[in-house]
Every structure is written in C-alpha cells, then in structure tokens.
PDB file of N, CA and C in Angstrom:
ATOM      1  N   MET A   1       0.970  -1.475  -0.137  1.00  0.00           N
ATOM      2  CA  MET A   1      -0.161  -0.159  -0.073  1.00  0.00           C
ATOM      3  C   MET A   1       0.830   1.052  -0.543  1.00  0.00           C
ATOM      4  N   GLY A   2       2.143   1.122   0.334  1.00  0.00           N
ATOM      5  CA  GLY A   2       3.628   2.063   0.472  1.00  0.00           C
ATOM      6  C   GLY A   2       2.832   3.137   1.294  1.00  0.00           C
ATOM      7  N   VAL A   3       2.975   2.719   2.481  1.00  0.00           N
ATOM      8  CA  VAL A   3       2.322   3.467   3.963  1.00  0.00           C
ATOM      9  C   VAL A   3       3.424   3.516   4.662  1.00  0.00           C
ATOM     10  N   THR A   4       3.850   4.813   5.430  1.00  0.00           N
ATOM     11  CA  THR A   4       5.331   4.258   6.307  1.00  0.00           C
ATOM     12  C   THR A   4       4.326   5.027   7.447  1.00  0.00           C
ATOM     13  N   ALA A   5       4.404   3.709   8.639  1.00  0.00           N
ATOM     14  CA  ALA A   5       4.089   4.097   9.664  1.00  0.00           C
ATOM     15  C   ALA A   5       5.258   4.537  10.738  1.00  0.00           C
ATOM     16  N   ASP A   6       5.017   5.214  12.609  1.00  0.00           N
ATOM     17  CA  ASP A   6       5.642   5.443  12.973  1.00  0.00           C
ATOM     18  C   ASP A   6       4.524   4.571  14.125  1.00  0.00           C
ATOM     19  N   THR A   7       5.733   4.295  15.006  1.00  0.00           N
ATOM     20  CA  THR A   7       4.810   3.253  16.354  1.00  0.00           C
ATOM     21  C   THR A   7       5.249   3.988  17.664  1.00  0.00           C
ATOM     22  N   ALA A   8       4.097   3.906  18.211  1.00  0.00           N
ATOM     23  CA  ALA A   8       3.742   4.859  19.757  1.00  0.00           C
ATOM     24  C   ALA A   8       4.168   3.692  21.055  1.00  0.00           C
ATOM     25  N   SER A   9       4.675   2.804  21.941  1.00  0.00           N
ATOM     26  CA  SER A   9       4.010   1.818  22.956  1.00  0.00           C
ATOM     27  C   SER A   9       2.684   2.164  23.590  1.00  0.00           C
ATOM     28  N   ASN A  10       2.827   3.530  23.713  1.00  0.00           N
ATOM     29  CA  ASN A  10       1.855   4.036  24.773  1.00  0.00           C
ATOM     30  C   ASN A  10       0.634   5.553  24.098  1.00  0.00           C
ATOM     31  N   GLY A  11      -0.323   5.488  25.265  1.00  0.00           N
ATOM     32  CA  GLY A  11      -1.270   6.726  24.490  1.00  0.00           C
ATOM     33  C   GLY A  11       0.100   7.340  24.328  1.00  0.00           C
ATOM     34  N   LYS A  12       0.341   7.746  25.801  1.00  0.00           N
ATOM     35  CA  LYS A  12       0.716   9.072  25.827  1.00  0.00           C
ATOM     36  C   LYS A  12       2.639   9.217  24.708  1.00  0.00           C
ATOM     37  N   GLU A  13       2.943   8.047  24.618  1.00  0.00           N
ATOM     38  CA  GLU A  13       3.855   8.230  23.697  1.00  0.00           C
ATOM     39  C   GLU A  13       3.533   8.495  21.888  1.00  0.00           C
ATOM     40  N   GLY A  14       2.527   8.183  21.794  1.00  0.00           N
ATOM     41  CA  GLY A  14       1.543   8.706  21.081  1.00  0.00           C
ATOM     42  C   GLY A  14       1.387   9.626  20.808  1.00  0.00           C
ATOM     43  N   VAL A  15       1.066  10.305  21.761  1.00  0.00           N
ATOM     44  CA  VAL A  15       0.657  11.717  21.583  1.00  0.00           C
ATOM     45  C   VAL A  15       2.477  12.907  21.485  1.00  0.00           C
ATOM     46  N   SER A  16       3.128  12.684  22.334  1.00  0.00           N
ATOM     47  CA  SER A  16       4.399  12.938  21.976  1.00  0.00           C
ATOM     48  C   SER A  16       4.954  13.007  20.900  1.00  0.00           C
ATOM     49  N   CYS A  17       4.806  11.804  19.764  1.00  0.00           N
ATOM     50  CA  CYS A  17       5.505  11.827  18.617  1.00  0.00           C
ATOM     51  C   CYS A  17       4.643  12.933  17.986  1.00  0.00           C
ATOM     52  N   PHE A  18       2.945  12.792  17.510  1.00  0.00           N
ATOM     53  CA  PHE A  18       2.250  14.006  17.112  1.00  0.00           C
ATOM     54  C   PHE A  18       2.854  15.320  17.060  1.00  0.00           C
ATOM     55  N   GLU A  19       3.108  15.529  18.696  1.00  0.00           N
ATOM     56  CA  GLU A  19       3.494  16.686  18.800  1.00  0.00           C
ATOM     57  C   GLU A  19       4.398  17.450  18.579  1.00  0.00           C
ATOM     58  N   LYS A  20       5.524  16.664  18.893  1.00  0.00           N
ATOM     59  CA  LYS A  20       6.542  16.559  18.443  1.00  0.00           C
ATOM     60  C   LYS A  20       7.161  16.615  16.739  1.00  0.00           C
ATOM     61  N   SER A  21       6.497  16.147  15.825  1.00  0.00           N
ATOM     62  CA  SER A  21       6.333  16.609  14.184  1.00  0.00           C
ATOM     63  C   SER A  21       5.897  17.942  14.033  1.00  0.00           C
ATOM     64  N   ARG A  22       6.563  18.205  13.094  1.00  0.00           N
ATOM     65  CA  ARG A  22       6.019  18.670  11.972  1.00  0.00           C
ATOM     66  C   ARG A  22       4.535  19.069  11.661  1.00  0.00           C
ATOM     67  N   GLU A  23       3.791  19.701  11.057  1.00  0.00           N
ATOM     68  CA  GLU A  23       2.662  20.177  11.239  1.00  0.00           C
ATOM     69  C   GLU A  23       2.261  19.140   9.910  1.00  0.00           C
ATOM     70  N   GLY A  24       1.154  18.717   8.845  1.00  0.00           N
ATOM     71  CA  GLY A  24       0.716  18.171   8.187  1.00  0.00           C
ATOM     72  C   GLY A  24       1.594  16.455   8.045  1.00  0.00           C
ATOM     73  N   THR A  25       2.422  16.563   8.841  1.00  0.00           N
ATOM     74  CA  THR A  25       3.437  15.257   8.802  1.00  0.00           C
ATOM     75  C   THR A  25       2.355  13.542   8.563  1.00  0.00           C
ATOM     76  N   TYR A  26       1.589  14.002   9.265  1.00  0.00           N
ATOM     77  CA  TYR A  26       0.920  12.681   9.969  1.00  0.00           C
ATOM     78  C   TYR A  26      -0.549  12.978   9.069  1.00  0.00           C
ATOM     79  N   ASP A  27      -0.638  11.757   7.820  1.00  0.00           N
ATOM     80  CA  ASP A  27      -2.001  11.448   7.554  1.00  0.00           C
ATOM     81  C   ASP A  27      -3.445  11.149   7.945  1.00  0.00           C
ATOM     82  N   ALA A  28      -2.348  10.573   8.843  1.00  0.00           N
ATOM     83  CA  ALA A  28      -3.719   9.641   9.584  1.00  0.00           C
ATOM     84  C   ALA A  28      -3.113   9.284  10.592  1.00  0.00           C
ATOM     85  N   VAL A  29      -4.145   8.690  12.272  1.00  0.00           N
ATOM     86  CA  VAL A  29      -3.145   8.270  12.915  1.00  0.00           C
ATOM     87  C   VAL A  29      -4.230   7.016  13.275  1.00  0.00           C
ATOM     88  N   LEU A  30      -3.659   5.760  13.853  1.00  0.00           N
ATOM     89  CA  LEU A  30      -4.081   4.417  14.522  1.00  0.00           C
ATOM     90  C   LEU A  30      -4.115   4.462  16.094  1.00  0.00           C
ATOM     91  N   MET A  31      -5.695   4.417  16.214  1.00  0.00           N
ATOM     92  CA  MET A  31      -5.316   4.841  17.911  1.00  0.00           C
ATOM     93  C   MET A  31      -6.329   3.224  18.775  1.00  0.00           C
ATOM     94  N   ASP A  32      -4.821   2.397  18.787  1.00  0.00           N
ATOM     95  CA  ASP A  32      -5.224   1.249  19.641  1.00  0.00           C
ATOM     96  C   ASP A  32      -6.534   2.097  20.743  1.00  0.00           C
ATOM     97  N   ILE A  33      -7.655   1.803  21.463  1.00  0.00           N
ATOM     98  CA  ILE A  33      -8.208   1.570  22.716  1.00  0.00           C
ATOM     99  C   ILE A  33      -7.506   1.649  24.113  1.00  0.00           C
ATOM    100  N   GLN A  34      -6.915   0.046  23.770  1.00  0.00           N
ATOM    101  CA  GLN A  34      -6.618   0.346  25.031  1.00  0.00           C
ATOM    102  C   GLN A  34      -5.399  -0.059  25.010  1.00  0.00           C
ATOM    103  N   MET A  35      -4.648   0.926  25.558  1.00  0.00           N
ATOM    104  CA  MET A  35      -3.365   0.571  26.247  1.00  0.00           C
ATOM    105  C   MET A  35      -2.493   1.462  27.547  1.00  0.00           C
ATOM    106  N   PRO A  36      -1.451   1.590  27.018  1.00  0.00           N
ATOM    107  CA  PRO A  36      -1.252   1.619  28.834  1.00  0.00           C
ATOM    108  C   PRO A  36      -0.402   2.664  28.808  1.00  0.00           C
ATOM    109  N   VAL A  37      -0.562   3.548  30.080  1.00  0.00           N
ATOM    110  CA  VAL A  37      -0.321   4.879  30.602  1.00  0.00           C
ATOM    111  C   VAL A  37      -1.321   6.486  30.403  1.00  0.00           C
ATOM    112  N   MET A  38      -1.682   5.923  29.687  1.00  0.00           N
ATOM    113  CA  MET A  38      -2.684   6.686  28.364  1.00  0.00           C
ATOM    114  C   MET A  38      -3.716   6.175  27.955  1.00  0.00           C
ATOM    115  N   ASN A  39      -5.063   5.495  27.444  1.00  0.00           N
ATOM    116  CA  ASN A  39      -5.519   4.823  26.393  1.00  0.00           C
ATOM    117  C   ASN A  39      -5.780   6.270  25.647  1.00  0.00           C
ATOM    118  N   GLY A  40      -6.224   5.326  24.463  1.00  0.00           N
ATOM    119  CA  GLY A  40      -6.253   5.583  23.136  1.00  0.00           C
ATOM    120  C   GLY A  40      -7.718   6.748  23.017  1.00  0.00           C
ATOM    121  N   ASN A  41      -8.467   7.171  23.826  1.00  0.00           N
ATOM    122  CA  ASN A  41      -9.760   7.804  24.428  1.00  0.00           C
ATOM    123  C   ASN A  41      -8.958   9.100  24.634  1.00  0.00           C
ATOM    124  N   GLU A  42      -8.212   8.949  25.793  1.00  0.00           N
ATOM    125  CA  GLU A  42      -7.195   9.566  25.836  1.00  0.00           C
ATOM    126  C   GLU A  42      -6.668  10.056  25.233  1.00  0.00           C
ATOM    127  N   ALA A  43      -5.597   9.266  24.904  1.00  0.00           N
ATOM    128  CA  ALA A  43      -4.808  10.134  23.442  1.00  0.00           C
ATOM    129  C   ALA A  43      -5.869  10.710  22.471  1.00  0.00           C
ATOM    130  N   ALA A  44      -6.608  10.451  22.044  1.00  0.00           N
ATOM    131  CA  ALA A  44      -6.878  11.267  20.678  1.00  0.00           C
ATOM    132  C   ALA A  44      -8.104  12.607  21.436  1.00  0.00           C
ATOM    133  N   GLN A  45      -8.312  12.580  22.831  1.00  0.00           N
ATOM    134  CA  GLN A  45      -8.510  14.471  22.879  1.00  0.00           C
ATOM    135  C   GLN A  45      -7.195  15.075  23.507  1.00  0.00           C
ATOM    136  N   ALA A  46      -6.188  14.251  23.750  1.00  0.00           N
ATOM    137  CA  ALA A  46      -4.916  15.259  24.240  1.00  0.00           C
ATOM    138  C   ALA A  46      -4.672  15.604  22.348  1.00  0.00           C
ATOM    139  N   ILE A  47      -4.706  14.370  21.935  1.00  0.00           N
ATOM    140  CA  ILE A  47      -4.064  15.484  20.082  1.00  0.00           C
ATOM    141  C   ILE A  47      -5.044  16.220  19.698  1.00  0.00           C
ATOM    142  N   ARG A  48      -6.836  16.332  19.831  1.00  0.00           N
ATOM    143  CA  ARG A  48      -7.759  17.184  18.829  1.00  0.00           C
ATOM    144  C   ARG A  48      -7.236  18.479  20.256  1.00  0.00           C
ATOM    145  N   ASN A  49      -6.617  18.638  21.906  1.00  0.00           N
ATOM    146  CA  ASN A  49      -6.482  19.861  22.018  1.00  0.00           C
ATOM    147  C   ASN A  49      -5.180  20.215  22.330  1.00  0.00           C
ATOM    148  N   LEU A  50      -4.207  20.033  21.551  1.00  0.00           N
ATOM    149  CA  LEU A  50      -2.929  20.571  20.752  1.00  0.00           C
ATOM    150  C   LEU A  50      -3.291  21.888  20.214  1.00  0.00           C
ATOM    151  N   ALA A  51      -2.654  23.381  20.082  1.00  0.00           N
ATOM    152  CA  ALA A  51      -2.927  24.020  19.437  1.00  0.00           C
ATOM    153  C   ALA A  51      -2.039  23.781  18.044  1.00  0.00           C
ATOM    154  N   ARG A  52      -2.820  23.307  17.249  1.00  0.00           N
ATOM    155  CA  ARG A  52      -1.790  23.505  15.676  1.00  0.00           C
ATOM    156  C   ARG A  52      -2.753  22.622  14.778  1.00  0.00           C
ATOM    157  N   SER A  53      -2.707  23.512  14.170  1.00  0.00           N
ATOM    158  CA  SER A  53      -4.018  23.071  13.013  1.00  0.00           C
ATOM    159  C   SER A  53      -4.394  21.711  12.597  1.00  0.00           C
ATOM    160  N   ASP A  54      -3.537  21.435  12.131  1.00  0.00           N
ATOM    161  CA  ASP A  54      -3.675  19.307  12.207  1.00  0.00           C
ATOM    162  C   ASP A  54      -3.997  18.552  13.361  1.00  0.00           C
ATOM    163  N   ALA A  55      -4.386  18.417  14.238  1.00  0.00           N
ATOM    164  CA  ALA A  55      -5.026  18.817  15.722  1.00  0.00           C
ATOM    165  C   ALA A  55      -5.921  18.327  15.568  1.00  0.00           C
ATOM    166  N   LYS A  56      -6.534  19.382  14.501  1.00  0.00           N
ATOM    167  CA  LYS A  56      -7.979  19.554  14.821  1.00  0.00           C
ATOM    168  C   LYS A  56      -8.455  18.826  13.622  1.00  0.00           C
ATOM    169  N   THR A  57      -7.836  18.583  12.695  1.00  0.00           N
ATOM    170  CA  THR A  57      -8.429  17.911  11.442  1.00  0.00           C
ATOM    171  C   THR A  57      -7.113  16.434  10.858  1.00  0.00           C
ATOM    172  N   VAL A  58      -6.379  16.088  11.519  1.00  0.00           N
ATOM    173  CA  VAL A  58      -6.174  14.766  11.146  1.00  0.00           C
ATOM    174  C   VAL A  58      -6.937  13.330  12.076  1.00  0.00           C
ATOM    175  N   PRO A  59      -7.130  12.962  10.805  1.00  0.00           N
ATOM    176  CA  PRO A  59      -8.381  11.264  11.078  1.00  0.00           C
ATOM    177  C   PRO A  59      -7.152  10.951  11.893  1.00  0.00           C
ATOM    178  N   ILE A  60      -8.342  10.322  12.643  1.00  0.00           N
ATOM    179  CA  ILE A  60      -7.967   9.442  13.858  1.00  0.00           C
ATOM    180  C   ILE A  60      -8.207   8.142  13.732  1.00  0.00           C
ATOM    181  N   ILE A  61      -8.360   7.257  13.669  1.00  0.00           N
ATOM    182  CA  ILE A  61      -9.209   5.733  13.395  1.00  0.00           C
ATOM    183  C   ILE A  61      -8.912   4.842  14.800  1.00  0.00           C
ATOM    184  N   ALA A  62     -10.197   4.572  15.662  1.00  0.00           N
ATOM    185  CA  ALA A  62      -9.643   3.769  16.563  1.00  0.00           C
ATOM    186  C   ALA A  62      -9.887   2.067  16.312  1.00  0.00           C
ATOM    187  N   MET A  63      -8.533   1.146  16.630  1.00  0.00           N
ATOM    188  CA  MET A  63      -8.814   0.139  16.803  1.00  0.00           C
ATOM    189  C   MET A  63      -9.137  -0.168  18.289  1.00  0.00           C
ATOM    190  N   SER A  64      -9.914  -1.928  18.427  1.00  0.00           N
ATOM    191  CA  SER A  64     -10.310  -2.536  19.368  1.00  0.00           C
ATOM    192  C   SER A  64     -11.047  -3.375  19.149  1.00  0.00           C
ATOM    193  N   ALA A  65     -10.733  -4.183  20.411  1.00  0.00           N
ATOM    194  CA  ALA A  65     -11.432  -5.596  20.019  1.00  0.00           C
ATOM    195  C   ALA A  65     -13.015  -5.322  20.687  1.00  0.00           C
ATOM    196  N   ASP A  66     -13.166  -4.612  21.359  1.00  0.00           N
ATOM    197  CA  ASP A  66     -14.698  -3.531  21.593  1.00  0.00           C
ATOM    198  C   ASP A  66     -16.086  -3.442  20.799  1.00  0.00           C
ATOM    199  N   VAL A  67     -16.746  -4.264  20.878  1.00  0.00           N
ATOM    200  CA  VAL A  67     -17.935  -3.493  19.909  1.00  0.00           C
ATOM    201  C   VAL A  67     -18.748  -3.643  20.098  1.00  0.00           C
ATOM    202  N   PHE A  68     -18.151  -2.822  21.836  1.00  0.00           N
ATOM    203  CA  PHE A  68     -20.156  -2.183  22.379  1.00  0.00           C
ATOM    204  C   PHE A  68     -20.263  -0.107  21.347  1.00  0.00           C
ATOM    205  N   GLU A  69     -21.675  -0.294  21.069  1.00  0.00           N
ATOM    206  CA  GLU A  69     -21.931   0.746  20.277  1.00  0.00           C
ATOM    207  C   GLU A  69     -20.914   1.745  21.595  1.00  0.00           C
ATOM    208  N   GLU A  70     -21.689   1.934  23.164  1.00  0.00           N
ATOM    209  CA  GLU A  70     -20.880   2.944  24.424  1.00  0.00           C
ATOM    210  C   GLU A  70     -20.062   2.358  24.201  1.00  0.00           C
ATOM    211  N   SER A  71     -18.988   1.655  23.471  1.00  0.00           N
ATOM    212  CA  SER A  71     -16.939   1.699  23.461  1.00  0.00           C
ATOM    213  C   SER A  71     -17.507   2.796  22.208  1.00  0.00           C
ATOM    214  N   MET A  72     -17.943   2.836  20.540  1.00  0.00           N
ATOM    215  CA  MET A  72     -17.647   3.237  19.949  1.00  0.00           C
ATOM    216  C   MET A  72     -18.298   4.730  19.700  1.00  0.00           C
ATOM    217  N   ARG A  73     -19.432   5.150  20.698  1.00  0.00           N
ATOM    218  CA  ARG A  73     -19.687   6.586  21.005  1.00  0.00           C
ATOM    219  C   ARG A  73     -18.704   7.051  21.787  1.00  0.00           C
ATOM    220  N   ALA A  74     -17.885   6.138  22.954  1.00  0.00           N
ATOM    221  CA  ALA A  74     -16.961   7.124  23.345  1.00  0.00           C
ATOM    222  C   ALA A  74     -15.949   7.368  22.799  1.00  0.00           C
ATOM    223  N   ALA A  75     -15.383   6.343  21.316  1.00  0.00           N
ATOM    224  CA  ALA A  75     -14.404   6.710  20.870  1.00  0.00           C
ATOM    225  C   ALA A  75     -14.562   8.251  19.586  1.00  0.00           C
ATOM    226  N   LYS A  76     -16.280   8.124  19.610  1.00  0.00           N
ATOM    227  CA  LYS A  76     -16.061   8.933  19.090  1.00  0.00           C
ATOM    228  C   LYS A  76     -16.410  10.237  19.229  1.00  0.00           C
ATOM    229  N   LYS A  77     -16.673  10.332  20.505  1.00  0.00           N
ATOM    230  CA  LYS A  77     -17.001  11.648  21.681  1.00  0.00           C
ATOM    231  C   LYS A  77     -15.195  13.085  21.957  1.00  0.00           C
ATOM    232  N   ALA A  78     -14.338  10.979  21.682  1.00  0.00           N
ATOM    233  CA  ALA A  78     -12.833  11.354  22.480  1.00  0.00           C
ATOM    234  C   ALA A  78     -12.507  11.841  20.946  1.00  0.00           C
ATOM    235  N   GLY A  79     -12.585  12.457  20.299  1.00  0.00           N
ATOM    236  CA  GLY A  79     -12.100  12.973  18.243  1.00  0.00           C
ATOM    237  C   GLY A  79     -11.940  11.940  17.342  1.00  0.00           C
ATOM    238  N   MET A  80     -12.844  10.905  17.797  1.00  0.00           N
ATOM    239  CA  MET A  80     -11.953  10.270  16.922  1.00  0.00           C
ATOM    240  C   MET A  80     -12.674  10.012  15.443  1.00  0.00           C
ATOM    241  N   ASN A  81     -12.547   9.590  14.891  1.00  0.00           N
ATOM    242  CA  ASN A  81     -13.505   9.837  13.190  1.00  0.00           C
ATOM    243  C   ASN A  81     -14.138   8.753  12.786  1.00  0.00           C
ATOM    244  N   ASP A  82     -13.293   7.294  13.171  1.00  0.00           N
ATOM    245  CA  ASP A  82     -13.477   6.287  12.253  1.00  0.00           C
ATOM    246  C   ASP A  82     -13.810   5.067  13.938  1.00  0.00           C
ATOM    247  N   TYR A  83     -13.821   3.677  13.358  1.00  0.00           N
ATOM    248  CA  TYR A  83     -13.583   2.554  14.561  1.00  0.00           C
ATOM    249  C   TYR A  83     -13.579   1.682  14.231  1.00  0.00           C
ATOM    250  N   ILE A  84     -12.794   0.469  13.862  1.00  0.00           N
ATOM    251  CA  ILE A  84     -12.572  -0.700  13.595  1.00  0.00           C
ATOM    252  C   ILE A  84     -12.334  -2.230  14.756  1.00  0.00           C
ATOM    253  N   THR A  85     -12.962  -2.866  14.684  1.00  0.00           N
ATOM    254  CA  THR A  85     -13.030  -3.961  15.128  1.00  0.00           C
ATOM    255  C   THR A  85     -11.680  -4.685  15.117  1.00  0.00           C
ATOM    256  N   LYS A  86     -11.146  -5.135  16.178  1.00  0.00           N
ATOM    257  CA  LYS A  86     -10.457  -6.432  15.559  1.00  0.00           C
ATOM    258  C   LYS A  86     -11.143  -7.656  15.476  1.00  0.00           C
ATOM    259  N   PRO A  87     -10.953  -8.523  14.804  1.00  0.00           N
ATOM    260  CA  PRO A  87      -9.190  -8.722  14.158  1.00  0.00           C
ATOM    261  C   PRO A  87      -9.526  -7.585  13.142  1.00  0.00           C
ATOM    262  N   ILE A  88      -8.554  -7.340  12.540  1.00  0.00           N
ATOM    263  CA  ILE A  88      -8.654  -6.660  11.578  1.00  0.00           C
ATOM    264  C   ILE A  88      -8.968  -7.180   9.973  1.00  0.00           C
ATOM    265  N   GLU A  89      -9.681  -6.539   9.511  1.00  0.00           N
ATOM    266  CA  GLU A  89      -9.861  -7.610   8.590  1.00  0.00           C
ATOM    267  C   GLU A  89      -8.920  -6.596   7.264  1.00  0.00           C
ATOM    268  N   PRO A  90      -8.133  -7.060   6.849  1.00  0.00           N
ATOM    269  CA  PRO A  90      -7.151  -6.248   5.505  1.00  0.00           C
ATOM    270  C   PRO A  90      -8.240  -5.278   4.651  1.00  0.00           C
ATOM    271  N   GLU A  91      -9.135  -5.907   3.640  1.00  0.00           N
ATOM    272  CA  GLU A  91      -9.691  -5.736   2.547  1.00  0.00           C
ATOM    273  C   GLU A  91     -10.445  -3.413   3.755  1.00  0.00           C
ATOM    274  N   LYS A  92     -10.997  -4.146   4.283  1.00  0.00           N
ATOM    275  CA  LYS A  92     -11.664  -3.338   5.748  1.00  0.00           C
ATOM    276  C   LYS A  92     -11.258  -1.858   5.652  1.00  0.00           C
ATOM    277  N   PHE A  93      -9.738  -2.569   6.586  1.00  0.00           N
ATOM    278  CA  PHE A  93      -9.009  -1.277   7.323  1.00  0.00           C
ATOM    279  C   PHE A  93      -8.884  -0.412   6.020  1.00  0.00           C
ATOM    280  N   TYR A  94      -7.876  -1.379   4.994  1.00  0.00           N
ATOM    281  CA  TYR A  94      -7.400  -0.154   3.739  1.00  0.00           C
ATOM    282  C   TYR A  94      -8.465   0.565   3.288  1.00  0.00           C
ATOM    283  N   GLN A  95     -10.100   0.115   2.989  1.00  0.00           N
ATOM    284  CA  GLN A  95     -10.642   0.870   2.918  1.00  0.00           C
ATOM    285  C   GLN A  95     -10.975   2.283   3.806  1.00  0.00           C
ATOM    286  N   VAL A  96     -11.511   2.185   5.100  1.00  0.00           N
ATOM    287  CA  VAL A  96     -10.790   2.896   6.312  1.00  0.00           C
ATOM    288  C   VAL A  96     -10.118   3.668   5.814  1.00  0.00           C
ATOM    289  N   LEU A  97      -8.688   3.604   5.987  1.00  0.00           N
ATOM    290  CA  LEU A  97      -7.714   4.087   5.990  1.00  0.00           C
ATOM    291  C   LEU A  97      -7.747   5.433   4.368  1.00  0.00           C
ATOM    292  N   ALA A  98      -7.865   5.265   3.317  1.00  0.00           N
ATOM    293  CA  ALA A  98      -8.108   5.646   2.053  1.00  0.00           C
ATOM    294  C   ALA A  98      -9.691   6.741   2.190  1.00  0.00           C
ATOM    295  N   LYS A  99     -10.759   6.109   2.374  1.00  0.00           N
ATOM    296  CA  LYS A  99     -11.475   7.517   2.704  1.00  0.00           C
ATOM    297  C   LYS A  99     -10.961   8.033   3.954  1.00  0.00           C
ATOM    298  N   ALA A 100     -10.407   7.870   5.246  1.00  0.00           N
ATOM    299  CA  ALA A 100     -10.090   9.241   6.065  1.00  0.00           C
ATOM    300  C   ALA A 100      -8.924   9.873   5.270  1.00  0.00           C
ATOM    301  N   CYS A 101      -8.081   8.829   4.372  1.00  0.00           N
ATOM    302  CA  CYS A 101      -6.689  10.142   3.874  1.00  0.00           C
ATOM    303  C   CYS A 101      -7.279  10.960   2.916  1.00  0.00           C
ATOM    304  N   HIS A 102      -8.614  10.275   1.931  1.00  0.00           N
ATOM    305  CA  HIS A 102      -9.247  10.962   1.069  1.00  0.00           C
ATOM    306  C   HIS A 102      -8.552  10.817  -0.546  1.00  0.00           C
ATOM    307  N   CYS A 103      -8.572   9.277  -0.252  1.00  0.00           N
ATOM    308  CA  CYS A 103      -7.326   8.682  -1.462  1.00  0.00           C
ATOM    309  C   CYS A 103      -7.952   8.253  -2.478  1.00  0.00           C
ATOM    310  N   ALA A 104      -7.907   7.554  -3.200  1.00  0.00           N
ATOM    311  CA  ALA A 104      -8.319   6.233  -3.567  1.00  0.00           C
ATOM    312  C   ALA A 104      -7.692   4.706  -3.613  1.00  0.00           C
ATOM    313  N   LYS A 105      -8.187   3.803  -3.727  1.00  0.00           N
ATOM    314  CA  LYS A 105      -7.553   3.162  -3.689  1.00  0.00           C
ATOM    315  C   LYS A 105      -7.758   2.016  -4.949  1.00  0.00           C
TER     316      LYS A 105
END
C-alpha cells in the first residue's frame, strides 16, 4: 500500500510523537483504545486539544476488539473519526484508511 508508519508503545508516547512532529506530517493516526499509561480515548482528546491546526483535522481511527456501541460512542466523543474492530480485516482497514486520507484505493 506504500504506507509509512511510526509506532508508539502507549498513548502518551503517541501524543508526544504527534506533538513533536512538523504540522502536516501525519495523514492519519491509528489509535488502539486499550493502551497502557494513556488509553486511546485520552490520547485522541490530547491530540485534538493541541494548539496546532492539524491536530483538529487529522483523521484518528480507533482500533479495538470492543464491539459495544457504548465504546464506539466514547471513541467518537473523544475525537475519533472512525472505528475498526479487531481482528482487523485488511480490505476493510484499507477502505477506512483510504476514506480517512481522501485517497482512492
């Protein structure tokens, strides 16, 4: 797919990676909901609250094994744009990522 990815081992580290990057570096953020130190919802809120324009617009895609509607609503409220359930189905994942990045697959 030609994707380059940075990784973070927890939500706090993910927020730090985004915060230290140049504006516009990331086309999308894939956010696991269940992470140590800072969970995905907290990390998404922290990114959305950063004082930079791309923090408000970068697509944040939740990834979780939790299929409950309440969890999906909480992710949306935290600032997530979409929600993918695990196990990840590659074709669905690529469709969601292409939609988020406004590119054709």
